């Protein structure tokens, strides 16, 4: 007899829907769906400072088919003030399913092509409902997908509940979390276990780039899932603004060359519109990235804070932020260069004007 599992899987899809969202306004617009503002409830959550807690709302039920079997699922959403909505489809595995069967169930959720379509459908309906609360509403093409394999308990052959240490000793969780079918090397397994966290004997959080395994006896969504969702939302915004800057910088260079090639009048301001657009791009990007990073702060190195920091490390949050910073620096330096060039052009035009006035005075003196 093998291990038996009680749990399910949660599939996430995160989207950018605008520059920012008024959460108070969103609460009013979603009043019929009983939205709420929630924070992590564990004692060690005091190490996390969340300036503007996101709005959580249940959107309804769905029916999904996995491995030829139909399952009832629940769809929920979390709305972040920096312009991100996170959709989650929660589906429960059959009760007390054997571990190998659960691993196949989890892999089926991860690989299913219909779930993202369902979440996309709910995202568009939610977007329409909260559009008045969104500043500059627009559903960007960037998406972030993540799956959490959620366990409430794992029972041994004698019916006793296994600890997280016993679970990792009894089964190989790497194929499930890393979505691999072939046997992994010992080094690959060790690297996965490096991102393993436990606070009590019966909880576990095992993180990877695309998936996480969470063991927690509590019913409903856990604080660990909350933190992972928050980290994914921040990652999405960094990816989104990195893509915006990638698209805008070549356009700026083309417009600079076009502006330099135009014939201009003596006192015309050839770069004025371009400088204004560059200034807005820099200001908007800087403000949004700072708001994203300041939305959640870690004040101490405890359980949830360690999970959050590890998630940002795995998601390469620092590398994405460094890439955005480099591009913003390039925009700023280009702005300063164009502004200096514009100032030099105006100074030269002023000198020419002074010379013309002097020549006019000389000519007038001859006629007198």
Protein backbone atom coordinates (compact mmCIF):
# COMPACT_ATOMS: atom_id res chain seq x y z
CA UNK A 1 0.00 0.00 0.00
CA UNK A 2 1.38 3.41 -0.93
CA UNK A 3 0.96 6.86 0.54
CA UNK A 4 -2.46 8.51 0.29
CA UNK A 5 -2.90 12.21 -0.37
CA UNK A 6 -5.64 14.76 0.38
CA UNK A 7 -5.30 17.90 -1.70
CA UNK A 8 -5.62 19.42 -5.12
CA UNK A 9 -3.94 21.85 -7.48
CA UNK A 10 -4.25 25.59 -8.05
CA UNK A 11 -3.53 26.98 -11.53
CA UNK A 12 -2.76 30.72 -11.73
CA UNK A 13 -2.77 33.13 -14.64
CA UNK A 14 -1.70 36.74 -14.04
CA UNK A 15 -2.32 39.67 -16.40
CA UNK A 16 -1.55 43.38 -16.53
CA UNK A 17 -4.78 45.31 -17.10
CA UNK A 18 -3.71 48.95 -16.68
CA UNK A 19 -1.39 51.47 -15.13
CA UNK A 20 -3.01 51.26 -11.68
CA UNK A 21 -6.24 50.15 -10.01
CA UNK A 22 -8.24 51.95 -7.32
CA UNK A 23 -8.93 49.08 -4.93
CA UNK A 24 -11.62 51.00 -3.03
CA UNK A 25 -13.46 51.60 -6.31
CA UNK A 26 -12.97 47.94 -7.30
CA UNK A 27 -14.53 46.87 -3.99
CA UNK A 28 -17.64 48.89 -4.82
CA UNK A 29 -17.85 47.52 -8.36
CA UNK A 30 -17.54 43.92 -7.10
CA UNK A 31 -19.86 44.33 -4.13
CA UNK A 32 -22.27 41.63 -5.34
CA UNK A 33 -19.44 39.06 -5.31
CA UNK A 34 -18.47 39.71 -1.66
CA UNK A 35 -14.90 40.93 -2.26
CA UNK A 36 -12.50 41.35 0.66
CA UNK A 37 -9.11 42.80 1.51
CA UNK A 38 -7.02 40.08 3.12
CA UNK A 39 -3.53 39.81 4.58
CA UNK A 40 -1.48 36.79 5.65
CA UNK A 41 -2.72 35.62 9.04
CA UNK A 42 0.20 33.57 10.39
CA UNK A 43 2.08 35.07 13.30
CA UNK A 44 5.31 35.43 11.33
CA UNK A 45 3.43 37.50 8.72
CA UNK A 46 4.31 40.52 10.85
CA UNK A 47 7.65 40.42 9.02
CA UNK A 48 5.79 41.43 5.84
CA UNK A 49 4.55 44.97 5.33
CA UNK A 50 1.82 45.27 2.68
CA UNK A 51 0.93 48.90 2.04
CA UNK A 52 -2.25 48.30 0.03
CA UNK A 53 -3.62 44.75 0.46
CA UNK A 54 -5.09 43.35 -2.77
CA UNK A 55 -8.78 42.67 -3.27
CA UNK A 56 -9.80 39.00 -3.29
CA UNK A 57 -13.03 37.81 -4.91
CA UNK A 58 -14.64 34.51 -5.90
CA UNK A 59 -15.81 34.49 -9.52
CA UNK A 60 -17.74 31.21 -9.72
CA UNK A 61 -17.43 27.56 -10.60
CA UNK A 62 -16.21 25.71 -13.67
CA UNK A 63 -16.13 22.11 -14.88
CA UNK A 64 -12.79 20.79 -16.13
CA UNK A 65 -11.85 17.41 -17.56
CA UNK A 66 -8.52 15.86 -16.60
CA UNK A 67 -7.38 12.41 -17.70
CA UNK A 68 -10.90 11.70 -18.95
CA UNK A 69 -12.53 12.55 -15.61
CA UNK A 70 -14.67 15.63 -14.92
CA UNK A 71 -13.90 17.80 -11.87
CA UNK A 72 -15.68 20.72 -10.26
CA UNK A 73 -13.39 23.72 -9.87
CA UNK A 74 -13.60 27.17 -8.30
CA UNK A 75 -12.28 30.34 -9.92
CA UNK A 76 -11.07 33.23 -7.76
CA UNK A 77 -9.21 36.45 -8.44
CA UNK A 78 -6.87 38.79 -6.64
CA UNK A 79 -6.58 42.43 -7.74
CA UNK A 80 -3.39 44.40 -7.07
CA UNK A 81 -3.23 48.18 -7.02
CA UNK A 82 -0.26 48.32 -9.41
CA UNK A 83 -2.43 47.12 -12.31
CA UNK A 84 -2.28 43.32 -12.07
CA UNK A 85 -5.12 40.81 -11.71
CA UNK A 86 -4.39 37.21 -10.76
CA UNK A 87 -6.87 34.49 -11.69
CA UNK A 88 -6.76 31.13 -9.90
CA UNK A 89 -8.58 27.89 -10.73
CA UNK A 90 -8.70 25.54 -7.73
CA UNK A 91 -9.49 21.89 -8.39
CA UNK A 92 -9.55 19.12 -5.78
CA UNK A 93 -8.06 15.69 -6.41
CA UNK A 94 -10.12 12.56 -5.58
CA UNK A 95 -10.16 11.94 -1.80
CA UNK A 96 -7.21 10.02 -0.35
CA UNK A 97 -5.69 9.42 -3.76
CA UNK A 98 -2.43 7.45 -3.91
CA UNK A 99 0.73 9.49 -4.38
CA UNK A 100 1.54 8.26 -7.90
CA UNK A 101 -2.01 8.99 -9.02
CA UNK A 102 -1.84 12.43 -7.40
CA UNK A 103 1.40 13.17 -9.24
CA UNK A 104 -0.33 12.28 -12.53
CA UNK A 105 -3.31 14.46 -11.54
CA UNK A 106 -1.02 17.41 -10.76
CA UNK A 107 0.88 17.00 -14.02
CA UNK A 108 -2.44 16.92 -15.90
CA UNK A 109 -3.47 20.24 -14.32
CA UNK A 110 -0.09 21.73 -15.22
CA UNK A 111 -0.27 20.56 -18.85
CA UNK A 112 -3.97 21.18 -19.50
CA UNK A 113 -4.60 23.61 -22.37
CA UNK A 114 -8.21 24.41 -21.44
CA UNK A 115 -7.51 25.86 -17.98
CA UNK A 116 -5.62 28.93 -19.31
CA UNK A 117 -8.50 29.57 -21.73
CA UNK A 118 -11.03 29.43 -18.88
CA UNK A 119 -8.93 31.79 -16.79
CA UNK A 120 -8.53 34.15 -19.74
CA UNK A 121 -12.32 34.21 -20.16
CA UNK A 122 -12.84 35.09 -16.49
CA UNK A 123 -10.08 37.70 -16.71
CA UNK A 124 -11.86 39.52 -19.53
CA UNK A 125 -15.18 39.44 -17.69
CA UNK A 126 -13.48 40.78 -14.55
CA UNK A 127 -11.73 43.45 -16.61
CA UNK A 128 -15.09 44.67 -17.92
CA UNK A 129 -16.52 44.80 -14.38
CA UNK A 130 -13.68 46.81 -12.82
CA UNK A 131 -12.74 48.94 -15.85
CA UNK A 132 -13.99 52.19 -14.19
CA UNK A 133 -11.50 51.56 -11.35
CA UNK A 134 -8.54 51.14 -13.72
CA UNK A 135 -6.29 54.02 -14.75
CA UNK A 136 -5.40 53.66 -18.47
CA UNK A 137 -7.20 50.30 -18.86
CA UNK A 138 -5.52 47.94 -21.31
CA UNK A 139 -5.03 44.17 -21.24
CA UNK A 140 -1.34 43.74 -22.04
CA UNK A 141 -0.14 40.65 -23.96
CA UNK A 142 2.27 39.55 -21.21
CA UNK A 143 1.08 36.61 -19.06
CA UNK A 144 2.48 34.80 -16.05
CA UNK A 145 1.36 31.21 -15.31
CA UNK A 146 2.06 29.26 -12.15
CA UNK A 147 0.75 26.05 -10.56
CA UNK A 148 0.70 25.21 -6.86
CA UNK A 149 0.28 21.55 -5.92
CA UNK A 150 -1.65 21.95 -2.68
CA UNK A 151 -1.62 19.15 -0.09
CA UNK A 152 -3.53 19.17 3.19
CA UNK A 153 -2.17 15.88 4.47
CA UNK A 154 -0.26 12.78 3.43
CA UNK A 155 -1.15 9.51 5.16
CA UNK A 156 1.10 6.50 5.58
CA UNK A 157 0.16 2.82 5.30
CA UNK A 158 -1.06 2.79 8.91
CA UNK A 159 -3.24 5.87 8.42
CA UNK A 160 -0.96 8.21 10.38
CA UNK A 161 -0.15 11.66 9.06
CA UNK A 162 3.37 11.98 7.66
CA UNK A 163 5.62 14.90 8.52
CA UNK A 164 7.18 16.92 5.74
CA UNK A 165 10.56 15.27 6.40
CA UNK A 166 9.01 11.79 6.15
CA UNK A 167 7.24 12.74 2.91
CA UNK A 168 10.49 13.84 1.25
CA UNK A 169 12.18 10.63 2.41
CA UNK A 170 9.40 8.40 1.07
CA UNK A 171 8.69 9.91 -2.37
CA UNK A 172 10.56 11.74 -5.10
CA UNK A 173 8.71 15.05 -5.50
CA UNK A 174 11.09 16.45 -8.13
CA UNK A 175 9.31 14.98 -11.20
CA UNK A 176 6.03 16.59 -10.08
CA UNK A 177 7.42 20.00 -9.13
CA UNK A 178 9.79 20.23 -12.10
CA UNK A 179 7.35 18.55 -14.52
CA UNK A 180 9.94 16.01 -15.66
CA UNK A 181 9.33 12.47 -16.85
CA UNK A 182 12.94 11.27 -17.00
CA UNK A 183 15.04 10.40 -13.97
CA UNK A 184 16.76 13.49 -12.58
CA UNK A 185 20.36 13.65 -11.44
CA UNK A 186 21.15 13.84 -7.75
CA UNK A 187 22.44 17.40 -8.23
CA UNK A 188 19.17 18.53 -9.83
CA UNK A 189 17.21 17.08 -6.92
CA UNK A 190 19.51 18.74 -4.40
CA UNK A 191 19.05 22.11 -6.11
CA UNK A 192 15.28 21.73 -5.84
CA UNK A 193 15.46 20.82 -2.15
CA UNK A 194 17.63 23.88 -1.58
CA UNK A 195 14.41 25.89 -1.95
CA UNK A 196 12.53 23.82 0.63
CA UNK A 197 10.97 25.57 3.66
CA UNK A 198 9.19 24.26 6.76
CA UNK A 199 8.05 25.97 9.95
CA UNK A 200 6.13 23.16 11.65
CA UNK A 201 6.63 19.45 11.22
CA UNK A 202 3.47 19.16 9.12
CA UNK A 203 4.01 22.01 6.64
CA UNK A 204 6.24 22.34 3.59
CA UNK A 205 6.87 24.77 0.77
CA UNK A 206 8.99 23.57 -2.15
CA UNK A 207 9.54 26.19 -4.87
CA UNK A 208 10.56 26.10 -8.52
CA UNK A 209 10.30 28.45 -11.51
CA UNK A 210 6.90 27.24 -12.77
CA UNK A 211 5.44 25.28 -9.86
CA UNK A 212 5.39 24.88 -6.10
CA UNK A 213 4.46 22.08 -3.74
CA UNK A 214 2.71 23.34 -0.60
CA UNK A 215 1.78 21.07 2.32
CA UNK A 216 -0.40 22.75 4.94
CA UNK A 217 -3.17 21.18 7.07
CA UNK A 218 -5.23 24.39 6.99
CA UNK A 219 -8.37 24.48 4.85
CA UNK A 220 -8.60 26.96 2.01
CA UNK A 221 -5.87 29.15 0.56
CA UNK A 222 -2.68 29.45 2.60
CA UNK A 223 -0.40 32.37 3.39
CA UNK A 224 2.33 30.67 1.35
CA UNK A 225 0.11 30.76 -1.75
CA UNK A 226 -0.67 34.42 -1.01
CA UNK A 227 3.04 35.26 -0.93
CA UNK A 228 3.81 33.28 -4.09
CA UNK A 229 0.95 35.04 -5.89
CA UNK A 230 2.29 38.41 -4.77
CA UNK A 231 5.79 37.57 -6.01
CA UNK A 232 4.41 36.42 -9.38
CA UNK A 233 2.43 39.67 -9.72
CA UNK A 234 5.58 41.69 -9.11
CA UNK A 235 7.50 39.57 -11.62
CA UNK A 236 4.78 40.15 -14.23
CA UNK A 237 5.05 43.92 -13.89
CA UNK A 238 8.83 43.87 -14.24
CA UNK A 239 8.52 41.70 -17.35
CA UNK A 240 5.82 43.98 -18.74
CA UNK A 241 7.78 47.19 -18.35
CA UNK A 242 10.92 45.53 -19.62
CA UNK A 243 8.96 44.63 -22.79
CA UNK A 244 7.59 48.19 -23.06
CA UNK A 245 11.07 49.67 -22.87
CA UNK A 246 12.37 47.13 -25.40
CA UNK A 247 9.70 48.29 -27.83
CA UNK A 248 9.94 52.02 -27.15
CA UNK A 249 13.71 52.58 -27.20
CA UNK A 250 14.21 51.66 -30.92
CA UNK A 251 11.24 53.89 -31.79
CA UNK A 252 12.84 56.77 -29.90
CA UNK A 253 16.07 56.37 -31.86
CA UNK A 254 14.18 56.39 -35.17
CA UNK A 255 12.31 59.55 -34.16
CA UNK A 256 15.54 61.24 -33.07
CA UNK A 257 17.10 60.58 -36.48
CA UNK A 258 13.95 61.81 -38.20
CA UNK A 259 13.93 64.99 -36.11
CA UNK A 260 17.60 65.68 -36.85
CA UNK A 261 17.01 65.23 -40.57
CA UNK A 262 14.21 67.81 -40.75
CA UNK A 263 14.78 71.35 -41.96
CA UNK A 264 13.91 73.66 -39.08
CA UNK A 265 13.35 77.34 -38.58
CA UNK A 266 15.78 79.36 -36.52
CA UNK A 267 13.79 79.36 -33.26
CA UNK A 268 11.85 76.12 -33.73
CA UNK A 269 12.06 73.42 -31.02
CA UNK A 270 12.64 70.26 -33.03
CA UNK A 271 12.94 67.92 -30.00
CA UNK A 272 10.26 69.42 -27.74
CA UNK A 273 7.56 66.79 -28.35
CA UNK A 274 10.06 63.94 -28.27
CA UNK A 275 11.59 65.18 -25.01
CA UNK A 276 8.13 65.37 -23.45
CA UNK A 277 7.34 61.79 -24.44
CA UNK A 278 10.67 60.53 -23.14
CA UNK A 279 10.09 62.30 -19.86
CA UNK A 280 6.64 60.71 -19.50
CA UNK A 281 7.99 57.25 -20.35
CA UNK A 282 10.76 57.56 -17.78
CA UNK A 283 8.48 58.97 -15.08
CA UNK A 284 5.71 56.39 -15.60
CA UNK A 285 8.09 53.44 -15.67
CA UNK A 286 10.05 54.61 -12.64
CA UNK A 287 6.94 55.33 -10.60
CA UNK A 288 5.30 52.00 -11.43
CA UNK A 289 8.41 49.90 -10.72
CA UNK A 290 8.93 51.66 -7.40
CA UNK A 291 5.28 51.12 -6.48
CA UNK A 292 5.56 47.43 -7.33
CA UNK A 293 8.68 46.94 -5.23
CA UNK A 294 7.29 48.90 -2.29
CA UNK A 295 3.95 47.04 -2.32
CA UNK A 296 5.43 44.35 -0.08
CA UNK A 297 8.46 44.77 2.16
CA UNK A 298 10.28 42.22 4.28
CA UNK A 299 11.33 43.40 7.74
CA UNK A 300 12.65 40.18 9.27
CA UNK A 301 14.00 36.79 8.20
CA UNK A 302 11.21 34.43 9.25
CA UNK A 303 9.25 31.71 7.47
CA UNK A 304 7.00 33.66 5.10
CA UNK A 305 9.67 36.29 4.51
CA UNK A 306 12.19 33.60 3.55
CA UNK A 307 9.69 32.07 1.12
CA UNK A 308 9.03 35.47 -0.44
CA UNK A 309 12.75 36.23 -0.82
CA UNK A 310 13.41 32.78 -2.27
CA UNK A 311 10.55 33.17 -4.76
CA UNK A 312 11.97 36.49 -6.00
CA UNK A 313 15.38 34.85 -6.32
CA UNK A 314 13.98 31.88 -8.29
CA UNK A 315 11.89 34.20 -10.48
CA UNK A 316 15.05 36.30 -11.07
CA UNK A 317 13.37 39.43 -9.84
CA UNK A 318 16.69 41.21 -9.31
CA UNK A 319 17.80 40.44 -12.87
CA UNK A 320 14.52 41.73 -14.32
CA UNK A 321 14.77 44.88 -12.19
CA UNK A 322 18.39 45.40 -13.24
CA UNK A 323 17.36 45.08 -16.89
CA UNK A 324 14.59 47.66 -16.44
CA UNK A 325 17.00 49.97 -14.63
CA UNK A 326 19.54 49.73 -17.46
CA UNK A 327 16.92 50.65 -20.03
CA UNK A 328 15.61 53.51 -17.88
CA UNK A 329 19.18 54.78 -17.53
CA UNK A 330 19.51 54.67 -21.32
CA UNK A 331 16.27 56.66 -21.69
CA UNK A 332 17.43 59.21 -19.12
CA UNK A 333 20.87 59.62 -20.73
CA UNK A 334 19.30 59.99 -24.17
CA UNK A 335 16.93 62.61 -22.76
CA UNK A 336 19.83 64.52 -21.21
CA UNK A 337 21.79 64.34 -24.49
CA UNK A 338 18.85 65.62 -26.54
CA UNK A 339 18.07 68.31 -24.00
CA UNK A 340 21.70 69.48 -24.08
CA UNK A 341 21.64 69.44 -27.87
CA UNK A 342 18.42 71.41 -27.87
CA UNK A 343 19.85 73.93 -25.42
CA UNK A 344 22.97 74.29 -27.58
CA UNK A 345 20.79 74.81 -30.67
CA UNK A 346 18.80 77.54 -28.90
CA UNK A 347 22.00 79.19 -27.67
CA UNK A 348 23.40 79.13 -31.18
CA UNK A 349 20.15 80.57 -32.55
CA UNK A 350 20.31 83.33 -29.95
CA UNK A 351 23.88 84.16 -30.95
CA UNK A 352 22.84 84.32 -34.60
CA UNK A 353 19.97 86.63 -33.66
CA UNK A 354 22.33 88.92 -31.74
CA UNK A 355 24.73 89.05 -34.70
CA UNK A 356 21.82 89.91 -37.03
CA UNK A 357 20.69 92.69 -34.70
CA UNK A 358 24.20 94.11 -34.58
CA UNK A 359 24.45 94.01 -38.37
CA UNK A 360 21.05 95.69 -38.63
CA UNK A 361 22.24 98.46 -36.30
CA UNK A 362 25.35 98.96 -38.47
CA UNK A 363 23.32 99.12 -41.67
CA UNK A 364 20.91 101.59 -40.11
CA UNK A 365 23.82 103.73 -38.96
CA UNK A 366 25.08 104.06 -42.58
CA UNK A 367 21.65 105.25 -43.74
CA UNK A 368 21.56 107.89 -41.02
